[in-house]
Amino acid sequence: MITVLASVVAVIGTLIGSWSTYAFQRRAAARTRAEAREERLRQERLSAYSAYAGAVTELKRAQITLWFRRRADPRDEETVLAAQLESDRLGAAAETTVFHLRLVAEDPVLRPFMTAISTTLGEIKHADDRRAVIAIEARFEEAVGAFLDAAALGLR
């Protein structure tokens, strides 16, 4: 009888040990998967933030080039058209980065910064002189800097 009881206790102990090992391993695997997912999402956000900042900076450059070309010789339609096409192409690329950014990092904190960037970009074509363009460009750089600072806080 004692032998049977000892065998039953040993079997129950083995089953409890096996079950607890399974439960701990399952929990550890789930935690590892969650951490890996969070790191992938963080990397994707980092990539999206960088791509957006780069795309709007390229768009700004193209819009300033277009502004200068229109004032240099408005009758040179070919040069102005080429600058317009480049600006439109980069505008579409910037818009694509906004879509990507919204998919991977829909952060309401970043919205005002993105709006400020867009507003500043829209002001370039209405600039009266070179000094106004320089002032707009400075505001643009501040807006992008503020966006990047806010995005960096979200990544930490």
N, C-alpha and C. Protein backbone atom coordinates (compact mmCIF):
# COMPACT_ATOMS: atom_id res chain seq x y z
N MET A 1 0.82 -1.19 0.00
CA MET A 1 0.00 0.00 0.00
C MET A 1 0.86 1.26 0.00
N ILE A 2 1.92 1.24 0.81
CA ILE A 2 2.81 2.40 0.88
C ILE A 2 3.52 2.58 -0.46
N THR A 3 3.85 1.48 -1.10
CA THR A 3 4.51 1.56 -2.40
C THR A 3 3.58 2.18 -3.43
N VAL A 4 2.32 1.81 -3.40
CA VAL A 4 1.33 2.36 -4.34
C VAL A 4 1.15 3.85 -4.08
N LEU A 5 1.04 4.21 -2.80
CA LEU A 5 0.87 5.61 -2.44
C LEU A 5 2.09 6.42 -2.87
N ALA A 6 3.26 5.89 -2.67
CA ALA A 6 4.49 6.58 -3.08
C ALA A 6 4.53 6.74 -4.59
N SER A 7 4.06 5.73 -5.31
CA SER A 7 4.03 5.80 -6.77
C SER A 7 3.04 6.87 -7.23
N VAL A 8 1.88 6.93 -6.59
CA VAL A 8 0.86 7.92 -6.95
C VAL A 8 1.39 9.33 -6.68
N VAL A 9 2.01 9.52 -5.55
CA VAL A 9 2.59 10.83 -5.21
C VAL A 9 3.67 11.19 -6.23
N ALA A 10 4.48 10.25 -6.60
CA ALA A 10 5.54 10.51 -7.59
C ALA A 10 4.95 10.89 -8.93
N VAL A 11 3.90 10.20 -9.36
CA VAL A 11 3.25 10.50 -10.64
C VAL A 11 2.61 11.89 -10.58
N ILE A 12 1.90 12.17 -9.50
CA ILE A 12 1.27 13.49 -9.35
C ILE A 12 2.34 14.58 -9.33
N GLY A 13 3.41 14.37 -8.63
CA GLY A 13 4.52 15.33 -8.58
C GLY A 13 5.11 15.57 -9.97
N THR A 14 5.27 14.50 -10.72
CA THR A 14 5.80 14.61 -12.07
C THR A 14 4.84 15.39 -12.97
N LEU A 15 3.55 15.10 -12.85
CA LEU A 15 2.55 15.80 -13.65
C LEU A 15 2.50 17.29 -13.29
N ILE A 16 2.53 17.60 -12.02
CA ILE A 16 2.53 19.00 -11.59
C ILE A 16 3.79 19.71 -12.09
N GLY A 17 4.91 19.05 -11.99
CA GLY A 17 6.18 19.62 -12.48
C GLY A 17 6.13 19.86 -13.98
N SER A 18 5.61 18.89 -14.73
CA SER A 18 5.50 19.03 -16.18
C SER A 18 4.55 20.16 -16.55
N TRP A 19 3.42 20.21 -15.86
CA TRP A 19 2.43 21.24 -16.15
C TRP A 19 2.98 22.63 -15.84
N SER A 20 3.64 22.79 -14.70
CA SER A 20 4.17 24.10 -14.33
C SER A 20 5.29 24.52 -15.30
N THR A 21 6.11 23.58 -15.73
CA THR A 21 7.14 23.90 -16.71
C THR A 21 6.51 24.36 -18.01
N TYR A 22 5.48 23.66 -18.45
CA TYR A 22 4.75 24.04 -19.67
C TYR A 22 4.16 25.44 -19.53
N ALA A 23 3.52 25.70 -18.39
CA ALA A 23 2.89 27.02 -18.18
C ALA A 23 3.94 28.13 -18.19
N PHE A 24 5.06 27.94 -17.50
CA PHE A 24 6.11 28.97 -17.47
C PHE A 24 6.73 29.17 -18.85
N GLN A 25 6.97 28.11 -19.59
CA GLN A 25 7.53 28.23 -20.92
C GLN A 25 6.57 28.93 -21.87
N ARG A 26 5.29 28.61 -21.73
CA ARG A 26 4.29 29.26 -22.57
C ARG A 26 4.23 30.76 -22.28
N ARG A 27 4.25 31.10 -21.01
CA ARG A 27 4.23 32.51 -20.61
C ARG A 27 5.49 33.23 -21.10
N ALA A 28 6.63 32.60 -20.97
CA ALA A 28 7.89 33.20 -21.43
C ALA A 28 7.89 33.37 -22.95
N ALA A 29 7.37 32.39 -23.67
CA ALA A 29 7.30 32.49 -25.14
C ALA A 29 6.36 33.62 -25.56
N ALA A 30 5.24 33.75 -24.87
CA ALA A 30 4.29 34.82 -25.19
C ALA A 30 4.92 36.19 -24.92
N ARG A 31 5.64 36.31 -23.82
CA ARG A 31 6.32 37.55 -23.50
C ARG A 31 7.39 37.87 -24.55
N THR A 32 8.12 36.88 -24.97
CA THR A 32 9.15 37.08 -25.99
C THR A 32 8.53 37.53 -27.30
N ARG A 33 7.41 36.90 -27.70
CA ARG A 33 6.71 37.30 -28.92
C ARG A 33 6.20 38.74 -28.82
N ALA A 34 5.65 39.09 -27.67
CA ALA A 34 5.12 40.45 -27.48
C ALA A 34 6.26 41.48 -27.54
N GLU A 35 7.38 41.16 -26.92
CA GLU A 35 8.53 42.08 -26.96
C GLU A 35 9.06 42.22 -28.38
N ALA A 36 9.13 41.14 -29.11
CA ALA A 36 9.60 41.19 -30.50
C ALA A 36 8.64 42.00 -31.36
N ARG A 37 7.34 41.83 -31.14
CA ARG A 37 6.33 42.60 -31.88
C ARG A 37 6.47 44.09 -31.58
N GLU A 38 6.62 44.43 -30.32
CA GLU A 38 6.77 45.83 -29.93
C GLU A 38 8.03 46.44 -30.53
N GLU A 39 9.11 45.68 -30.58
CA GLU A 39 10.35 46.20 -31.16
C GLU A 39 10.20 46.39 -32.67
N ARG A 40 9.52 45.45 -33.34
CA ARG A 40 9.28 45.61 -34.78
C ARG A 40 8.43 46.86 -35.04
N LEU A 41 7.41 47.05 -34.24
CA LEU A 41 6.55 48.24 -34.38
C LEU A 41 7.34 49.51 -34.11
N ARG A 42 8.19 49.49 -33.11
CA ARG A 42 9.04 50.65 -32.81
C ARG A 42 9.96 50.97 -33.99
N GLN A 43 10.56 49.93 -34.57
CA GLN A 43 11.43 50.13 -35.72
C GLN A 43 10.64 50.66 -36.93
N GLU A 44 9.44 50.16 -37.11
CA GLU A 44 8.59 50.61 -38.21
C GLU A 44 8.20 52.07 -38.01
N ARG A 45 7.90 52.44 -36.79
CA ARG A 45 7.59 53.84 -36.49
C ARG A 45 8.79 54.73 -36.74
N LEU A 46 9.93 54.30 -36.28
CA LEU A 46 11.16 55.06 -36.50
C LEU A 46 11.39 55.28 -37.99
N SER A 47 11.20 54.24 -38.77
CA SER A 47 11.35 54.34 -40.22
C SER A 47 10.32 55.29 -40.82
N ALA A 48 9.08 55.21 -40.36
CA ALA A 48 8.02 56.08 -40.88
C ALA A 48 8.28 57.55 -40.53
N TYR A 49 8.71 57.81 -39.29
CA TYR A 49 9.01 59.19 -38.89
C TYR A 49 10.14 59.77 -39.74
N SER A 50 11.18 58.97 -39.92
CA SER A 50 12.33 59.43 -40.71
C SER A 50 11.94 59.66 -42.17
N ALA A 51 11.17 58.73 -42.72
CA ALA A 51 10.74 58.87 -44.12
C ALA A 51 9.88 60.11 -44.31
N TYR A 52 8.99 60.37 -43.37
CA TYR A 52 8.13 61.55 -43.46
C TYR A 52 8.97 62.83 -43.42
N ALA A 53 9.87 62.92 -42.44
CA ALA A 53 10.71 64.13 -42.33
C ALA A 53 11.55 64.32 -43.59
N GLY A 54 12.10 63.25 -44.12
CA GLY A 54 12.87 63.34 -45.36
C GLY A 54 12.03 63.75 -46.55
N ALA A 55 10.83 63.18 -46.65
CA ALA A 55 9.96 63.47 -47.79
C ALA A 55 9.49 64.92 -47.78
N VAL A 56 9.11 65.44 -46.61
CA VAL A 56 8.65 66.83 -46.59
C VAL A 56 9.81 67.80 -46.79
N THR A 57 11.00 67.41 -46.39
CA THR A 57 12.17 68.26 -46.63
C THR A 57 12.49 68.32 -48.12
N GLU A 58 12.39 67.19 -48.80
CA GLU A 58 12.59 67.17 -50.25
C GLU A 58 11.50 67.98 -50.96
N LEU A 59 10.28 67.88 -50.48
CA LEU A 59 9.18 68.65 -51.06
C LEU A 59 9.42 70.13 -50.87
N LYS A 60 9.88 70.53 -49.70
CA LYS A 60 10.19 71.94 -49.46
C LYS A 60 11.24 72.43 -50.45
N ARG A 61 12.28 71.64 -50.64
CA ARG A 61 13.34 72.01 -51.58
C ARG A 61 12.77 72.19 -52.98
N ALA A 62 11.90 71.29 -53.40
CA ALA A 62 11.31 71.37 -54.74
C ALA A 62 10.40 72.58 -54.87
N GLN A 63 9.66 72.90 -53.82
CA GLN A 63 8.77 74.05 -53.89
C GLN A 63 9.55 75.36 -53.92
N ILE A 64 10.65 75.41 -53.20
CA ILE A 64 11.48 76.61 -53.25
C ILE A 64 12.14 76.74 -54.62
N THR A 65 12.58 75.64 -55.18
CA THR A 65 13.13 75.67 -56.54
C THR A 65 12.08 76.18 -57.52
N LEU A 66 10.87 75.69 -57.42
CA LEU A 66 9.79 76.14 -58.28
C LEU A 66 9.54 77.64 -58.09
N TRP A 67 9.54 78.10 -56.86
CA TRP A 67 9.34 79.52 -56.58
C TRP A 67 10.41 80.36 -57.29
N PHE A 68 11.67 79.94 -57.17
CA PHE A 68 12.76 80.68 -57.81
C PHE A 68 12.66 80.61 -59.33
N ARG A 69 12.31 79.46 -59.87
CA ARG A 69 12.21 79.33 -61.33
C ARG A 69 11.10 80.22 -61.88
N ARG A 70 10.00 80.32 -61.19
CA ARG A 70 8.89 81.17 -61.64
C ARG A 70 9.29 82.65 -61.65
N ARG A 71 10.14 83.04 -60.72
CA ARG A 71 10.54 84.43 -60.66
C ARG A 71 11.74 84.73 -61.55
N ALA A 72 12.56 83.74 -61.81
CA ALA A 72 13.76 83.96 -62.64
C ALA A 72 13.36 84.31 -64.06
N ASP A 73 12.51 83.51 -64.67
CA ASP A 73 12.05 83.78 -66.03
C ASP A 73 10.72 83.06 -66.24
N PRO A 74 9.61 83.75 -65.92
CA PRO A 74 8.31 83.09 -66.03
C PRO A 74 7.97 82.67 -67.45
N ARG A 75 8.66 83.25 -68.45
CA ARG A 75 8.38 82.88 -69.84
C ARG A 75 9.04 81.56 -70.23
N ASP A 76 10.01 81.12 -69.42
CA ASP A 76 10.67 79.84 -69.69
C ASP A 76 9.77 78.71 -69.17
N GLU A 77 8.73 78.45 -69.95
CA GLU A 77 7.70 77.50 -69.52
C GLU A 77 8.25 76.09 -69.31
N GLU A 78 9.22 75.70 -70.09
CA GLU A 78 9.78 74.35 -69.97
C GLU A 78 10.45 74.14 -68.61
N THR A 79 11.24 75.11 -68.19
CA THR A 79 11.93 75.01 -66.90
C THR A 79 10.93 75.06 -65.74
N VAL A 80 9.95 75.95 -65.85
CA VAL A 80 8.93 76.07 -64.81
C VAL A 80 8.10 74.78 -64.75
N LEU A 81 7.75 74.22 -65.89
CA LEU A 81 6.97 73.00 -65.93
C LEU A 81 7.75 71.84 -65.31
N ALA A 82 9.04 71.75 -65.62
CA ALA A 82 9.86 70.69 -65.04
C ALA A 82 9.92 70.81 -63.52
N ALA A 83 10.06 72.04 -63.03
CA ALA A 83 10.07 72.25 -61.58
C ALA A 83 8.72 71.92 -60.96
N GLN A 84 7.65 72.26 -61.69
CA GLN A 84 6.30 71.96 -61.20
C GLN A 84 6.07 70.45 -61.12
N LEU A 85 6.52 69.75 -62.15
CA LEU A 85 6.37 68.29 -62.16
C LEU A 85 7.16 67.64 -61.03
N GLU A 86 8.37 68.14 -60.79
CA GLU A 86 9.19 67.60 -59.70
C GLU A 86 8.52 67.88 -58.35
N SER A 87 7.98 69.06 -58.19
CA SER A 87 7.28 69.41 -56.96
C SER A 87 6.05 68.52 -56.76
N ASP A 88 5.31 68.29 -57.82
CA ASP A 88 4.13 67.42 -57.73
C ASP A 88 4.52 65.98 -57.39
N ARG A 89 5.58 65.50 -58.01
CA ARG A 89 6.05 64.14 -57.74
C ARG A 89 6.45 63.98 -56.27
N LEU A 90 7.20 64.97 -55.78
CA LEU A 90 7.64 64.90 -54.38
C LEU A 90 6.48 65.13 -53.42
N GLY A 91 5.47 65.89 -53.85
CA GLY A 91 4.27 66.05 -53.04
C GLY A 91 3.54 64.73 -52.88
N ALA A 92 3.45 63.99 -53.96
CA ALA A 92 2.81 62.67 -53.90
C ALA A 92 3.62 61.72 -53.01
N ALA A 93 4.94 61.79 -53.11
CA ALA A 93 5.78 60.94 -52.26
C ALA A 93 5.60 61.29 -50.79
N ALA A 94 5.51 62.58 -50.49
CA ALA A 94 5.29 63.01 -49.10
C ALA A 94 3.93 62.53 -48.60
N GLU A 95 2.94 62.59 -49.46
CA GLU A 95 1.61 62.13 -49.08
C GLU A 95 1.61 60.63 -48.80
N THR A 96 2.38 59.89 -49.56
CA THR A 96 2.51 58.45 -49.33
C THR A 96 3.12 58.17 -47.96
N THR A 97 4.12 58.98 -47.58
CA THR A 97 4.72 58.78 -46.25
C THR A 97 3.73 59.11 -45.14
N VAL A 98 2.83 60.06 -45.41
CA VAL A 98 1.78 60.37 -44.42
C VAL A 98 0.87 59.16 -44.24
N PHE A 99 0.50 58.51 -45.34
CA PHE A 99 -0.34 57.32 -45.25
C PHE A 99 0.35 56.24 -44.43
N HIS A 100 1.61 56.01 -44.71
CA HIS A 100 2.38 54.99 -43.98
C HIS A 100 2.45 55.37 -42.50
N LEU A 101 2.72 56.62 -42.24
CA LEU A 101 2.82 57.09 -40.86
C LEU A 101 1.50 56.88 -40.12
N ARG A 102 0.40 57.16 -40.77
CA ARG A 102 -0.90 56.98 -40.13
C ARG A 102 -1.19 55.51 -39.86
N LEU A 103 -0.69 54.63 -40.70
CA LEU A 103 -0.93 53.20 -40.49
C LEU A 103 -0.13 52.63 -39.34
N VAL A 104 1.11 53.05 -39.19
CA VAL A 104 1.96 52.44 -38.17
C VAL A 104 2.07 53.26 -36.89
N ALA A 105 1.68 54.52 -36.93
CA ALA A 105 1.86 55.37 -35.75
C ALA A 105 0.79 56.44 -35.67
N GLU A 106 -0.45 56.03 -35.64
CA GLU A 106 -1.53 57.01 -35.53
C GLU A 106 -1.47 57.62 -34.13
N ASP A 107 -0.74 58.72 -34.03
CA ASP A 107 -0.52 59.38 -32.75
C ASP A 107 -1.12 60.78 -32.81
N PRO A 108 -2.17 61.04 -32.05
CA PRO A 108 -2.82 62.36 -32.11
C PRO A 108 -1.90 63.49 -31.68
N VAL A 109 -0.86 63.19 -30.91
CA VAL A 109 0.09 64.21 -30.48
C VAL A 109 0.85 64.77 -31.69
N LEU A 110 1.08 63.93 -32.70
CA LEU A 110 1.87 64.36 -33.86
C LEU A 110 1.06 65.16 -34.87
N ARG A 111 -0.26 65.04 -34.83
CA ARG A 111 -1.11 65.71 -35.82
C ARG A 111 -0.86 67.21 -35.94
N PRO A 112 -0.82 67.96 -34.81
CA PRO A 112 -0.59 69.41 -34.94
C PRO A 112 0.75 69.74 -35.58
N PHE A 113 1.75 68.93 -35.31
CA PHE A 113 3.07 69.17 -35.90
C PHE A 113 3.04 68.93 -37.41
N MET A 114 2.34 67.88 -37.81
CA MET A 114 2.21 67.59 -39.24
C MET A 114 1.40 68.68 -39.94
N THR A 115 0.38 69.19 -39.26
CA THR A 115 -0.42 70.28 -39.82
C THR A 115 0.43 71.53 -39.97
N ALA A 116 1.25 71.82 -38.98
CA ALA A 116 2.14 72.99 -39.06
C ALA A 116 3.12 72.86 -40.23
N ILE A 117 3.63 71.66 -40.45
CA ILE A 117 4.54 71.43 -41.56
C ILE A 117 3.82 71.67 -42.89
N SER A 118 2.63 71.11 -43.03
CA SER A 118 1.86 71.28 -44.26
C SER A 118 1.51 72.74 -44.50
N THR A 119 1.11 73.44 -43.46
CA THR A 119 0.77 74.85 -43.59
C THR A 119 1.97 75.66 -44.06
N THR A 120 3.11 75.37 -43.47
CA THR A 120 4.32 76.09 -43.85
C THR A 120 4.71 75.80 -45.30
N LEU A 121 4.56 74.56 -45.71
CA LEU A 121 4.85 74.22 -47.11
C LEU A 121 3.92 74.98 -48.06
N GLY A 122 2.67 75.13 -47.67
CA GLY A 122 1.71 75.83 -48.51
C GLY A 122 1.99 77.32 -48.63
N GLU A 123 2.72 77.87 -47.68
CA GLU A 123 3.04 79.30 -47.71
C GLU A 123 4.11 79.65 -48.73
N ILE A 124 4.90 78.69 -49.13
CA ILE A 124 6.05 78.98 -50.00
C ILE A 124 5.61 79.63 -51.30
N LYS A 125 4.58 79.10 -51.92
CA LYS A 125 4.17 79.63 -53.23
C LYS A 125 3.62 81.05 -53.15
N HIS A 126 3.23 81.49 -51.94
CA HIS A 126 2.67 82.83 -51.78
C HIS A 126 3.70 83.85 -51.29
N ALA A 127 4.95 83.42 -51.15
CA ALA A 127 5.99 84.33 -50.67
C ALA A 127 6.22 85.47 -51.67
N ASP A 128 6.37 86.69 -51.13
CA ASP A 128 6.54 87.87 -51.98
C ASP A 128 7.98 88.06 -52.46
N ASP A 129 8.93 87.71 -51.62
CA ASP A 129 10.33 87.92 -51.98
C ASP A 129 11.21 86.86 -51.32
N ARG A 130 12.50 86.98 -51.59
CA ARG A 130 13.43 85.97 -51.10
C ARG A 130 13.49 85.95 -49.57
N ARG A 131 13.41 87.12 -48.95
CA ARG A 131 13.42 87.18 -47.49
C ARG A 131 12.24 86.41 -46.90
N ALA A 132 11.09 86.51 -47.52
CA ALA A 132 9.91 85.77 -47.06
C ALA A 132 10.13 84.26 -47.19
N VAL A 133 10.75 83.86 -48.29
CA VAL A 133 11.05 82.42 -48.47
C VAL A 133 11.98 81.94 -47.37
N ILE A 134 12.99 82.74 -47.04
CA ILE A 134 13.94 82.36 -45.99
C ILE A 134 13.23 82.25 -44.64
N ALA A 135 12.31 83.17 -44.36
CA ALA A 135 11.55 83.13 -43.10
C ALA A 135 10.65 81.89 -43.06
N ILE A 136 10.02 81.59 -44.17
CA ILE A 136 9.16 80.40 -44.24
C ILE A 136 10.00 79.15 -44.05
N GLU A 137 11.15 79.12 -44.67
CA GLU A 137 12.04 77.96 -44.53
C GLU A 137 12.47 77.77 -43.08
N ALA A 138 12.73 78.86 -42.38
CA ALA A 138 13.11 78.77 -40.96
C ALA A 138 11.94 78.22 -40.13
N ARG A 139 10.72 78.67 -40.41
CA ARG A 139 9.55 78.14 -39.70
C ARG A 139 9.35 76.66 -40.01
N PHE A 140 9.61 76.29 -41.26
CA PHE A 140 9.50 74.89 -41.66
C PHE A 140 10.48 74.03 -40.85
N GLU A 141 11.72 74.48 -40.76
CA GLU A 141 12.73 73.72 -40.02
C GLU A 141 12.34 73.58 -38.55
N GLU A 142 11.77 74.63 -37.97
CA GLU A 142 11.29 74.56 -36.59
C GLU A 142 10.16 73.54 -36.46
N ALA A 143 9.25 73.56 -37.42
CA ALA A 143 8.11 72.62 -37.38
C ALA A 143 8.58 71.18 -37.51
N VAL A 144 9.53 70.93 -38.40
CA VAL A 144 10.06 69.57 -38.55
C VAL A 144 10.81 69.16 -37.29
N GLY A 145 11.57 70.07 -36.71
CA GLY A 145 12.27 69.78 -35.46
C GLY A 145 11.31 69.43 -34.34
N ALA A 146 10.22 70.19 -34.24
CA ALA A 146 9.21 69.91 -33.21
C ALA A 146 8.55 68.55 -33.45
N PHE A 147 8.28 68.24 -34.72
CA PHE A 147 7.70 66.93 -35.06
C PHE A 147 8.65 65.81 -34.62
N LEU A 148 9.93 65.95 -34.96
CA LEU A 148 10.90 64.91 -34.62
C LEU A 148 11.08 64.77 -33.11
N ASP A 149 11.06 65.91 -32.39
CA ASP A 149 11.16 65.83 -30.93
C ASP A 149 9.98 65.08 -30.33
N ALA A 150 8.77 65.39 -30.82
CA ALA A 150 7.57 64.69 -30.32
C ALA A 150 7.59 63.21 -30.69
N ALA A 151 8.04 62.92 -31.91
CA ALA A 151 8.11 61.53 -32.35
C ALA A 151 9.13 60.75 -31.51
N ALA A 152 10.25 61.39 -31.21
CA ALA A 152 11.28 60.73 -30.40
C ALA A 152 10.75 60.40 -29.01
N LEU A 153 9.95 61.29 -28.44
CA LEU A 153 9.35 61.00 -27.13
C LEU A 153 8.46 59.77 -27.19
N GLY A 154 7.74 59.62 -28.30
CA GLY A 154 6.88 58.47 -28.46
C GLY A 154 7.64 57.16 -28.64
N LEU A 155 8.87 57.26 -29.09
CA LEU A 155 9.67 56.05 -29.31
C LEU A 155 10.37 55.56 -28.05
N ARG A 156 10.48 56.44 -27.08
CA ARG A 156 11.21 56.06 -25.87
C ARG A 156 10.38 55.21 -24.95
